[in-house]
Amino acid sequence: MRDVRGDLGFRTVHGGALASLIDTAAMVAAWSGAPAVANSRGTTVGLTVSYLAAAQGEDVEANARVLRRGRSLVYLDVDVYSASGTFVAKGLVTYKLG
């Protein structure tokens, strides 16, 4: 029997993994300019992902930037690129601080 742990024969990065990366990068960017308050919480209230190309067996990197920061909502734009420079996915995220 073939051992497939960690390698199911697919080299394409799963779309769910890319969406999680976009969400995490947006969260970090949202909190980067926020004041530190005890018992701070936050949550993603909107997440849209456009998949532009497949990431085939290589690392991916997300770059997030704040588009607008309100009193409690932060609007973010996230780009995901493969290690070879391919534009893999675009995310628009709304994150609530509070």
Protein backbone atom coordinates (compact mmCIF):
# COMPACT_ATOMS: atom_id res chain seq x y z
CA MET A 1 0.00 0.00 0.00
CA ARG A 2 1.32 3.45 -0.92
CA ASP A 3 1.89 5.90 1.94
CA VAL A 4 0.15 9.13 0.95
CA ARG A 5 0.46 11.10 4.19
CA GLY A 6 1.43 14.65 3.30
CA ASP A 7 1.31 13.91 -0.44
CA LEU A 8 -2.01 13.02 -1.98
CA GLY A 9 -0.54 13.31 -5.45
CA PHE A 10 -1.85 16.84 -5.85
CA ARG A 11 0.60 19.71 -6.04
CA THR A 12 -1.97 22.51 -6.31
CA VAL A 13 -2.51 24.65 -3.19
CA HIS A 14 -6.12 24.21 -2.04
CA GLY A 15 -8.41 27.24 -2.38
CA GLY A 16 -9.43 26.94 1.26
CA ALA A 17 -5.80 27.26 2.32
CA LEU A 18 -5.48 30.40 0.18
CA ALA A 19 -8.66 31.85 1.73
CA SER A 20 -7.29 31.15 5.23
CA LEU A 21 -4.02 32.85 4.29
CA ILE A 22 -5.92 35.91 3.03
CA ASP A 23 -8.02 36.05 6.21
CA THR A 24 -4.96 35.75 8.45
CA ALA A 25 -2.95 38.37 6.55
CA ALA A 26 -5.92 40.76 6.73
CA MET A 27 -6.28 40.21 10.48
CA VAL A 28 -2.60 41.03 11.06
CA ALA A 29 -2.86 44.19 8.95
CA ALA A 30 -6.09 45.25 10.67
CA TRP A 31 -4.53 45.01 14.13
CA SER A 32 -1.22 46.58 13.05
CA GLY A 33 -2.52 50.12 13.42
CA ALA A 34 -5.03 49.57 16.21
CA PRO A 35 -4.47 50.65 19.81
CA ALA A 36 -3.72 47.85 22.24
CA VAL A 37 -6.67 47.42 24.60
CA ALA A 38 -7.15 44.74 27.25
CA ASN A 39 -9.49 41.93 26.18
CA SER A 40 -9.45 43.06 22.55
CA ARG A 41 -11.40 40.92 20.14
CA GLY A 42 -11.92 40.92 16.43
CA THR A 43 -13.69 38.99 13.74
CA THR A 44 -13.91 38.76 9.99
CA VAL A 45 -17.31 40.04 8.86
CA GLY A 46 -16.72 39.86 5.11
CA LEU A 47 -14.38 37.82 2.92
CA THR A 48 -14.35 37.70 -0.87
CA VAL A 49 -11.72 35.71 -2.74
CA SER A 50 -11.02 35.72 -6.47
CA TYR A 51 -8.81 32.85 -7.58
CA LEU A 52 -6.67 33.97 -10.51
CA ALA A 53 -4.20 31.13 -11.09
CA ALA A 54 -3.15 27.86 -9.50
CA ALA A 55 -0.18 27.73 -7.15
CA GLN A 56 1.52 24.51 -8.25
CA GLY A 57 3.75 22.98 -5.58
CA GLU A 58 5.40 26.20 -4.45
CA ASP A 59 5.24 28.60 -1.54
CA VAL A 60 2.75 31.47 -1.57
CA GLU A 61 2.96 34.90 0.05
CA ALA A 62 0.17 37.31 1.03
CA ASN A 63 0.49 41.09 1.11
CA ALA A 64 -2.31 42.95 2.91
CA ARG A 65 -3.02 46.65 3.03
CA VAL A 66 -5.65 48.72 4.77
CA LEU A 67 -7.96 50.51 2.35
CA ARG A 68 -9.95 52.32 5.03
CA ARG A 69 -10.05 52.25 8.79
CA GLY A 70 -13.28 53.25 10.54
CA ARG A 71 -14.18 53.29 14.24
CA SER A 72 -14.61 49.53 14.40
CA LEU A 73 -14.47 48.25 10.81
CA VAL A 74 -11.31 47.92 8.75
CA TYR A 75 -11.47 47.35 4.99
CA LEU A 76 -8.51 45.49 3.52
CA ASP A 77 -7.10 44.39 0.19
CA VAL A 78 -4.96 41.23 0.07
CA ASP A 79 -2.87 39.94 -2.85
CA VAL A 80 -1.44 36.42 -2.94
CA TYR A 81 1.57 35.60 -5.12
CA SER A 82 3.42 32.35 -5.70
CA ALA A 83 7.17 32.12 -5.13
CA SER A 84 7.67 32.42 -8.89
CA GLY A 85 5.70 35.70 -8.95
CA THR A 86 2.38 34.44 -10.31
CA PHE A 87 -0.61 36.46 -9.08
CA VAL A 88 -2.61 33.62 -7.50
CA ALA A 89 -5.53 35.23 -5.64
CA LYS A 90 -7.10 38.55 -4.64
CA GLY A 91 -9.01 39.04 -1.41
CA LEU A 92 -11.23 41.82 -0.09
CA VAL A 93 -11.78 41.60 3.65
CA THR A 94 -13.85 43.50 6.17
CA TYR A 95 -12.59 43.01 9.71
CA LYS A 96 -14.27 44.22 12.91
CA LEU A 97 -12.13 45.36 15.82
CA GLY A 98 -13.61 45.56 19.26
